[in-house]
Amino acid sequence: MAGKHRKEKIEHAPTKRQVSRWEKQKKQSRIITICVTVIVVAAVGLIIGGYYWEQVMPNQVTVLKVNDVSFDFDYYTKVLDIITKSAPKEQLSYYADMAAQAVEQSELVRQKASDFSLSATDEEIKKEMETGNLPQNVVGSDVARTRVLTNKYTETVCIPKLPKSVQQAEVEAMFLESKAMVNDGRPVFCGALF
């Protein structure tokens, strides 16, 4: 029996051309990987930057300042949401100035409350938030605190200053269509004191 011939695999050393081609391919592969990575990072950066620029940054712009306290757009819009909770959507633009005045007046009430020794406890604020159906955030807490302080001010300062009785008057007025009717000598305004 003759032995089987084994064929040995002969490994050839790569030629200089193959080595240089492989090095070129590795270099091209590395360059493509770096370029794709840079493009993906730039695209993600643009998307995140655009979102921040359009959605986040405008909400952080200061729109109101009361004494030394600044209020950003996000705070203002949350107050506007509370004020317009039950308003028709067609009338929302009418409430913009009202919301700005509400923010300003609320902050002034909170700042001046200490001058009258008034304060609101956490329990009172929570109760007002529940009864007033206010959102559970900083704006809802501020609105509830303002309501509590206003009620306390009314009870402790305003009501005791009201007189027990006041002279009353009944006034009647008649609006006429033209100046000629006024010049006719007819009485336009009549009033009586009781």
Foldseek 3Di string as FASTA:
>chain_A
DDDDDDDDDDDDDDDPVVVVVVVVVVVVVVVVVVVVVVVVVVVVVVVVVVCCVPPPVQQACFDDDAPHDTHGNVLLVLLLCLVCVPPDPVCSVVCSVVSRVVVRVLVVLVVCLVVVPDFDDPVQLVVQCVVSVFDPDPSSSSVSRSVVSVVVCCVPPVVVPDDPDDWDWDWDADDDDDVVVVVVPDDGTDIDTD
